[in-house]
Structures are given as structure tokens and as C-alpha cells.
PDB file of N, CA and C in Angstrom:
ATOM      1  N   MET A   1       0.625  12.292  34.446  1.00  0.00           N
ATOM      2  CA  MET A   1       1.890  12.474  33.942  1.00  0.00           C
ATOM      3  C   MET A   1       1.958  12.023  32.445  1.00  0.00           C
ATOM      4  N   THR A   2       2.618  12.802  31.481  1.00  0.00           N
ATOM      5  CA  THR A   2       2.633  12.449  30.253  1.00  0.00           C
ATOM      6  C   THR A   2       4.122  11.935  29.843  1.00  0.00           C
ATOM      7  N   SER A   3       4.108  10.833  29.077  1.00  0.00           N
ATOM      8  CA  SER A   3       5.416  10.407  28.746  1.00  0.00           C
ATOM      9  C   SER A   3       5.674  10.486  27.328  1.00  0.00           C
ATOM     10  N   LEU A   4       6.904  10.513  26.824  1.00  0.00           N
ATOM     11  CA  LEU A   4       7.195  10.564  25.406  1.00  0.00           C
ATOM     12  C   LEU A   4       7.110   9.120  24.758  1.00  0.00           C
ATOM     13  N   PRO A   5       6.852   9.097  23.415  1.00  0.00           N
ATOM     14  CA  PRO A   5       6.724   7.964  22.741  1.00  0.00           C
ATOM     15  C   PRO A   5       7.956   6.950  23.060  1.00  0.00           C
ATOM     16  N   GLU A   6       9.183   7.595  23.169  1.00  0.00           N
ATOM     17  CA  GLU A   6      10.374   6.569  23.263  1.00  0.00           C
ATOM     18  C   GLU A   6      10.279   6.006  24.625  1.00  0.00           C
ATOM     19  N   ASP A   7       9.529   6.463  25.584  1.00  0.00           N
ATOM     20  CA  ASP A   7       9.497   5.972  26.917  1.00  0.00           C
ATOM     21  C   ASP A   7       8.565   4.771  26.942  1.00  0.00           C
ATOM     22  N   SER A   8       7.855   4.490  26.006  1.00  0.00           N
ATOM     23  CA  SER A   8       6.824   3.332  25.992  1.00  0.00           C
ATOM     24  C   SER A   8       7.405   2.042  26.317  1.00  0.00           C
ATOM     25  N   ASP A   9       6.659   1.210  27.046  1.00  0.00           N
ATOM     26  CA  ASP A   9       7.246  -0.105  27.343  1.00  0.00           C
ATOM     27  C   ASP A   9       6.867  -1.077  26.169  1.00  0.00           C
ATOM     28  N   SER A  10       6.149  -0.866  25.194  1.00  0.00           N
ATOM     29  CA  SER A  10       5.656  -1.757  24.060  1.00  0.00           C
ATOM     30  C   SER A  10       6.926  -1.685  23.162  1.00  0.00           C
ATOM     31  N   THR A  11       7.074  -3.028  22.698  1.00  0.00           N
ATOM     32  CA  THR A  11       8.257  -3.065  21.788  1.00  0.00           C
ATOM     33  C   THR A  11       7.751  -3.455  20.430  1.00  0.00           C
ATOM     34  N   GLY A  12       8.360  -2.907  19.337  1.00  0.00           N
ATOM     35  CA  GLY A  12       7.891  -3.102  18.072  1.00  0.00           C
ATOM     36  C   GLY A  12       8.625  -4.243  17.388  1.00  0.00           C
ATOM     37  N   PRO A  13       8.637  -4.484  16.155  1.00  0.00           N
ATOM     38  CA  PRO A  13       9.451  -5.439  15.406  1.00  0.00           C
ATOM     39  C   PRO A  13      10.824  -5.365  15.705  1.00  0.00           C
ATOM     40  N   ALA A  14      11.462  -6.519  15.700  1.00  0.00           N
ATOM     41  CA  ALA A  14      12.907  -6.622  15.989  1.00  0.00           C
ATOM     42  C   ALA A  14      13.815  -5.916  14.986  1.00  0.00           C
ATOM     43  N   SER A  15      13.466  -5.734  13.734  1.00  0.00           N
ATOM     44  CA  SER A  15      14.250  -5.215  12.686  1.00  0.00           C
ATOM     45  C   SER A  15      13.343  -4.673  11.631  1.00  0.00           C
ATOM     46  N   GLU A  16      14.017  -3.806  10.828  1.00  0.00           N
ATOM     47  CA  GLU A  16      13.305  -3.215   9.766  1.00  0.00           C
ATOM     48  C   GLU A  16      12.892  -4.245   8.559  1.00  0.00           C
ATOM     49  N   SER A  17      13.630  -5.339   8.474  1.00  0.00           N
ATOM     50  CA  SER A  17      13.389  -6.242   7.547  1.00  0.00           C
ATOM     51  C   SER A  17      12.121  -7.014   7.823  1.00  0.00           C
ATOM     52  N   GLU A  18      11.785  -7.208   9.117  1.00  0.00           N
ATOM     53  CA  GLU A  18      10.573  -7.828   9.513  1.00  0.00           C
ATOM     54  C   GLU A  18       9.377  -6.972   9.079  1.00  0.00           C
ATOM     55  N   VAL A  19       9.493  -5.583   9.259  1.00  0.00           N
ATOM     56  CA  VAL A  19       8.331  -4.624   8.970  1.00  0.00           C
ATOM     57  C   VAL A  19       8.254  -4.716   7.200  1.00  0.00           C
ATOM     58  N   ASP A  20       9.339  -4.670   6.547  1.00  0.00           N
ATOM     59  CA  ASP A  20       9.361  -4.718   5.131  1.00  0.00           C
ATOM     60  C   ASP A  20       8.575  -6.070   4.656  1.00  0.00           C
ATOM     61  N   GLU A  21       8.884  -7.150   5.138  1.00  0.00           N
ATOM     62  CA  GLU A  21       8.229  -8.520   4.769  1.00  0.00           C
ATOM     63  C   GLU A  21       6.826  -8.363   5.044  1.00  0.00           C
ATOM     64  N   ALA A  22       6.387  -7.889   6.223  1.00  0.00           N
ATOM     65  CA  ALA A  22       5.035  -7.896   6.524  1.00  0.00           C
ATOM     66  C   ALA A  22       4.175  -6.719   5.729  1.00  0.00           C
ATOM     67  N   GLU A  23       4.924  -5.732   5.165  1.00  0.00           N
ATOM     68  CA  GLU A  23       4.147  -4.799   4.427  1.00  0.00           C
ATOM     69  C   GLU A  23       4.506  -4.746   2.999  1.00  0.00           C
ATOM     70  N   LYS A  24       4.809  -5.722   2.478  1.00  0.00           N
ATOM     71  CA  LYS A  24       5.148  -5.714   0.943  1.00  0.00           C
ATOM     72  C   LYS A  24       3.935  -5.319   0.176  1.00  0.00           C
ATOM     73  N   ILE A  25       4.137  -4.433  -0.864  1.00  0.00           N
ATOM     74  CA  ILE A  25       3.048  -3.967  -1.562  1.00  0.00           C
ATOM     75  C   ILE A  25       3.206  -4.366  -2.983  1.00  0.00           C
ATOM     76  N   VAL A  26       2.141  -5.036  -3.515  1.00  0.00           N
ATOM     77  CA  VAL A  26       2.171  -5.507  -4.913  1.00  0.00           C
ATOM     78  C   VAL A  26       1.161  -4.843  -5.697  1.00  0.00           C
ATOM     79  N   CYS A  27       1.521  -4.521  -6.934  1.00  0.00           N
ATOM     80  CA  CYS A  27       0.329  -3.870  -7.869  1.00  0.00           C
ATOM     81  C   CYS A  27      -0.629  -5.044  -8.131  1.00  0.00           C
ATOM     82  N   ALA A  28      -1.970  -4.705  -7.943  1.00  0.00           N
ATOM     83  CA  ALA A  28      -2.997  -5.496  -8.124  1.00  0.00           C
ATOM     84  C   ALA A  28      -3.224  -5.953  -9.595  1.00  0.00           C
ATOM     85  N   ARG A  29      -2.713  -5.047 -10.482  1.00  0.00           N
ATOM     86  CA  ARG A  29      -2.952  -5.123 -11.937  1.00  0.00           C
ATOM     87  C   ARG A  29      -1.857  -5.872 -12.591  1.00  0.00           C
ATOM     88  N   CYS A  30      -0.447  -5.358 -12.382  1.00  0.00           N
ATOM     89  CA  CYS A  30       0.635  -5.988 -13.107  1.00  0.00           C
ATOM     90  C   CYS A  30       1.558  -6.880 -12.345  1.00  0.00           C
ATOM     91  N   GLY A  31       1.438  -6.851 -10.938  1.00  0.00           N
ATOM     92  CA  GLY A  31       2.155  -7.659 -10.167  1.00  0.00           C
ATOM     93  C   GLY A  31       3.497  -7.157  -9.728  1.00  0.00           C
ATOM     94  N   THR A  32       3.747  -5.893 -10.104  1.00  0.00           N
ATOM     95  CA  THR A  32       5.006  -5.204  -9.707  1.00  0.00           C
ATOM     96  C   THR A  32       5.103  -5.162  -8.155  1.00  0.00           C
ATOM     97  N   THR A  33       6.278  -5.413  -7.456  1.00  0.00           N
ATOM     98  CA  THR A  33       6.374  -5.281  -6.178  1.00  0.00           C
ATOM     99  C   THR A  33       7.178  -4.057  -5.815  1.00  0.00           C
ATOM    100  N   ALA A  34       6.649  -3.247  -4.809  1.00  0.00           N
ATOM    101  CA  ALA A  34       7.278  -2.110  -4.441  1.00  0.00           C
ATOM    102  C   ALA A  34       8.616  -2.406  -3.741  1.00  0.00           C
ATOM    103  N   THR A  35       9.602  -1.578  -4.010  1.00  0.00           N
ATOM    104  CA  THR A  35      10.925  -1.531  -3.436  1.00  0.00           C
ATOM    105  C   THR A  35      11.103  -0.386  -2.646  1.00  0.00           C
ATOM    106  N   GLY A  36      12.040  -0.434  -1.728  1.00  0.00           N
ATOM    107  CA  GLY A  36      12.352   0.790  -0.916  1.00  0.00           C
ATOM    108  C   GLY A  36      11.254   1.166  -0.030  1.00  0.00           C
ATOM    109  N   PRO A  37      11.219   2.565   0.391  1.00  0.00           N
ATOM    110  CA  PRO A  37      10.179   2.947   1.376  1.00  0.00           C
ATOM    111  C   PRO A  37       8.718   2.942   0.738  1.00  0.00           C
ATOM    112  N   ARG A  38       7.671   2.985   1.593  1.00  0.00           N
ATOM    113  CA  ARG A  38       6.301   2.843   1.078  1.00  0.00           C
ATOM    114  C   ARG A  38       6.134   3.724   0.001  1.00  0.00           C
ATOM    115  N   PRO A  39       5.570   3.118  -1.158  1.00  0.00           N
ATOM    116  CA  PRO A  39       5.387   3.937  -2.402  1.00  0.00           C
ATOM    117  C   PRO A  39       4.092   4.866  -2.339  1.00  0.00           C
ATOM    118  N   THR A  40       4.041   5.745  -3.169  1.00  0.00           N
ATOM    119  CA  THR A  40       2.875   6.559  -3.384  1.00  0.00           C
ATOM    120  C   THR A  40       1.917   6.125  -4.338  1.00  0.00           C
ATOM    121  N   TRP A  41       1.674   4.913  -4.358  1.00  0.00           N
ATOM    122  CA  TRP A  41       0.800   4.200  -5.281  1.00  0.00           C
ATOM    123  C   TRP A  41      -0.699   4.520  -5.038  1.00  0.00           C
ATOM    124  N   THR A  42      -1.467   4.332  -5.987  1.00  0.00           N
ATOM    125  CA  THR A  42      -2.998   4.552  -5.938  1.00  0.00           C
ATOM    126  C   THR A  42      -3.573   3.301  -5.144  1.00  0.00           C
ATOM    127  N   CYS A  43      -4.404   3.553  -4.107  1.00  0.00           N
ATOM    128  CA  CYS A  43      -5.118   2.721  -3.347  1.00  0.00           C
ATOM    129  C   CYS A  43      -6.585   2.579  -3.682  1.00  0.00           C
ATOM    130  N   SER A  44      -7.173   1.506  -3.763  1.00  0.00           N
ATOM    131  CA  SER A  44      -8.520   1.370  -4.073  1.00  0.00           C
ATOM    132  C   SER A  44      -9.136   0.062  -3.072  1.00  0.00           C
ATOM    133  N   VAL A  45     -10.287   0.396  -2.547  1.00  0.00           N
ATOM    134  CA  VAL A  45     -11.036  -0.731  -1.723  1.00  0.00           C
ATOM    135  C   VAL A  45     -12.178  -1.250  -2.427  1.00  0.00           C
ATOM    136  N   GLU A  46     -11.992  -2.403  -2.942  1.00  0.00           N
ATOM    137  CA  GLU A  46     -12.966  -3.142  -3.872  1.00  0.00           C
ATOM    138  C   GLU A  46     -13.554  -4.344  -3.155  1.00  0.00           C
ATOM    139  N   ASN A  47     -14.722  -4.566  -2.941  1.00  0.00           N
ATOM    140  CA  ASN A  47     -15.322  -5.659  -2.215  1.00  0.00           C
ATOM    141  C   ASN A  47     -14.664  -5.910  -0.744  1.00  0.00           C
ATOM    142  N   GLY A  48     -14.464  -4.705  -0.142  1.00  0.00           N
ATOM    143  CA  GLY A  48     -13.652  -4.814   1.176  1.00  0.00           C
ATOM    144  C   GLY A  48     -12.347  -5.143   1.176  1.00  0.00           C
ATOM    145  N   THR A  49     -11.639  -5.244   0.087  1.00  0.00           N
ATOM    146  CA  THR A  49     -10.304  -5.574  -0.024  1.00  0.00           C
ATOM    147  C   THR A  49      -9.496  -4.396  -0.474  1.00  0.00           C
ATOM    148  N   ARG A  50      -8.328  -4.085   0.115  1.00  0.00           N
ATOM    149  CA  ARG A  50      -7.593  -2.902  -0.206  1.00  0.00           C
ATOM    150  C   ARG A  50      -6.585  -3.436  -1.407  1.00  0.00           C
ATOM    151  N   GLN A  51      -6.612  -2.705  -2.506  1.00  0.00           N
ATOM    152  CA  GLN A  51      -5.742  -3.056  -3.580  1.00  0.00           C
ATOM    153  C   GLN A  51      -4.887  -1.762  -3.975  1.00  0.00           C
ATOM    154  N   TYR A  52      -3.593  -2.100  -4.265  1.00  0.00           N
ATOM    155  CA  TYR A  52      -2.754  -1.054  -4.643  1.00  0.00           C
ATOM    156  C   TYR A  52      -2.518  -1.110  -6.116  1.00  0.00           C
ATOM    157  N   PHE A  53      -2.234   0.003  -6.905  1.00  0.00           N
ATOM    158  CA  PHE A  53      -1.859   0.076  -8.307  1.00  0.00           C
ATOM    159  C   PHE A  53      -0.664   0.934  -8.437  1.00  0.00           C
ATOM    160  N   CYS A  54       0.303   0.330  -9.122  1.00  0.00           N
ATOM    161  CA  CYS A  54       1.591   1.112  -9.313  1.00  0.00           C
ATOM    162  C   CYS A  54       1.289   2.353 -10.174  1.00  0.00           C
ATOM    163  N   ASP A  55       2.324   3.308 -10.257  1.00  0.00           N
ATOM    164  CA  ASP A  55       2.248   4.499 -11.020  1.00  0.00           C
ATOM    165  C   ASP A  55       1.795   4.256 -12.551  1.00  0.00           C
ATOM    166  N   ASP A  56       2.424   3.327 -13.144  1.00  0.00           N
ATOM    167  CA  ASP A  56       2.264   3.061 -14.460  1.00  0.00           C
ATOM    168  C   ASP A  56       0.812   2.535 -14.789  1.00  0.00           C
ATOM    169  N   CYS A  57       0.226   1.685 -14.050  1.00  0.00           N
ATOM    170  CA  CYS A  57      -1.103   1.150 -14.169  1.00  0.00           C
ATOM    171  C   CYS A  57      -2.024   2.218 -13.763  1.00  0.00           C
ATOM    172  N   ALA A  58      -1.834   2.950 -12.804  1.00  0.00           N
ATOM    173  CA  ALA A  58      -2.760   4.052 -12.386  1.00  0.00           C
ATOM    174  C   ALA A  58      -2.883   5.073 -13.464  1.00  0.00           C
ATOM    175  N   ARG A  59      -1.648   5.553 -14.031  1.00  0.00           N
ATOM    176  CA  ARG A  59      -1.743   6.443 -15.294  1.00  0.00           C
ATOM    177  C   ARG A  59      -2.510   5.878 -16.484  1.00  0.00           C
ATOM    178  N   THR A  60      -2.358   4.640 -16.714  1.00  0.00           N
ATOM    179  CA  THR A  60      -2.972   4.118 -17.970  1.00  0.00           C
ATOM    180  C   THR A  60      -4.410   3.962 -17.768  1.00  0.00           C
ATOM    181  N   HIS A  61      -4.878   3.727 -16.455  1.00  0.00           N
ATOM    182  CA  HIS A  61      -6.356   3.503 -16.188  1.00  0.00           C
ATOM    183  C   HIS A  61      -6.877   4.651 -15.353  1.00  0.00           C
ATOM    184  N   LEU A  62      -6.425   5.844 -15.598  1.00  0.00           N
ATOM    185  CA  LEU A  62      -6.794   7.037 -14.677  1.00  0.00           C
ATOM    186  C   LEU A  62      -8.282   7.361 -14.873  1.00  0.00           C
ATOM    187  N   ARG A  63      -8.793   7.394 -16.017  1.00  0.00           N
ATOM    188  CA  ARG A  63     -10.290   7.655 -16.345  1.00  0.00           C
ATOM    189  C   ARG A  63     -11.141   6.756 -15.604  1.00  0.00           C
ATOM    190  N   ALA A  64     -10.843   5.411 -15.819  1.00  0.00           N
ATOM    191  CA  ALA A  64     -11.552   4.269 -15.061  1.00  0.00           C
ATOM    192  C   ALA A  64     -11.611   4.498 -13.547  1.00  0.00           C
ATOM    193  N   ILE A  65     -10.443   4.911 -13.062  1.00  0.00           N
ATOM    194  CA  ILE A  65     -10.293   5.067 -11.639  1.00  0.00           C
ATOM    195  C   ILE A  65     -11.019   6.287 -11.220  1.00  0.00           C
ATOM    196  N   GLU A  66     -11.003   7.327 -11.873  1.00  0.00           N
ATOM    197  CA  GLU A  66     -11.753   8.502 -11.575  1.00  0.00           C
ATOM    198  C   GLU A  66     -13.235   8.251 -11.659  1.00  0.00           C
ATOM    199  N   GLY A  67     -13.681   7.438 -12.623  1.00  0.00           N
ATOM    200  CA  GLY A  67     -15.058   7.010 -12.705  1.00  0.00           C
ATOM    201  C   GLY A  67     -15.539   6.005 -11.769  1.00  0.00           C
ATOM    202  N   ARG A  68     -14.649   5.682 -10.868  1.00  0.00           N
ATOM    203  CA  ARG A  68     -14.875   4.732  -9.746  1.00  0.00           C
ATOM    204  C   ARG A  68     -15.330   3.362 -10.359  1.00  0.00           C
ATOM    205  N   LEU A  69     -14.777   2.938 -11.451  1.00  0.00           N
ATOM    206  CA  LEU A  69     -15.124   1.522 -11.931  1.00  0.00           C
ATOM    207  C   LEU A  69     -14.185   0.486 -11.279  1.00  0.00           C
ATOM    208  N   ASP A  70     -14.773  -0.657 -10.952  1.00  0.00           N
ATOM    209  CA  ASP A  70     -13.924  -1.648 -10.341  1.00  0.00           C
ATOM    210  C   ASP A  70     -12.812  -2.089 -11.311  1.00  0.00           C
ATOM    211  N   SER A  71     -11.757  -2.509 -10.789  1.00  0.00           N
ATOM    212  CA  SER A  71     -10.570  -2.815 -11.701  1.00  0.00           C
ATOM    213  C   SER A  71     -11.059  -4.005 -12.570  1.00  0.00           C
ATOM    214  N   ALA A  72     -12.047  -4.825 -12.154  1.00  0.00           N
ATOM    215  CA  ALA A  72     -12.433  -5.800 -13.214  1.00  0.00           C
ATOM    216  C   ALA A  72     -12.948  -5.330 -14.512  1.00  0.00           C
ATOM    217  N   TRP A  73     -13.353  -4.089 -14.527  1.00  0.00           N
ATOM    218  CA  TRP A  73     -13.786  -3.442 -15.787  1.00  0.00           C
ATOM    219  C   TRP A  73     -12.725  -2.892 -16.646  1.00  0.00           C
ATOM    220  N   TRP A  74     -11.532  -2.817 -16.097  1.00  0.00           N
ATOM    221  CA  TRP A  74     -10.447  -2.225 -16.947  1.00  0.00           C
ATOM    222  C   TRP A  74      -9.993  -3.259 -17.889  1.00  0.00           C
TER     223      TRP A  74
END
């Protein structure tokens, strides 16, 4: 028998604020904190760590990102 996702016995976070606090996204370059829903920022995995870059930093360093240079070289 198949059940709908709403029928699941598992419970998620108690409120949206708990989700927001757990998933705060900060730009690894300039320190800007994302507000509102999950942003469409650039994500890079460097040395096994996921790093996010805001739109402004991503645009400024687009060539370095496309060249796959680590952010330490920017």
C-alpha cells in the first residue's frame, strides 16, 4: 500500500523559524547573510566544504569561478 507524504508519521521542525536558523546562508567572500527564501547563489565545494557566494561576489569573480580557481586565489 502506498501512502501520501502528508500521511507520514515523522515530524519535521516545529516552526519555519527553526528551519531558517538551521539553514542560514552566508557569503563566504563578503559575509552577506541571505534573507527570505533560499537564494540562488553560487555554490562551490572547496576542500570538502560547501561555500556559497552572493550574486555580487559571483559576478565580480566570474572568470575565476569558471576557471575553477579556489576562492583563496581571488
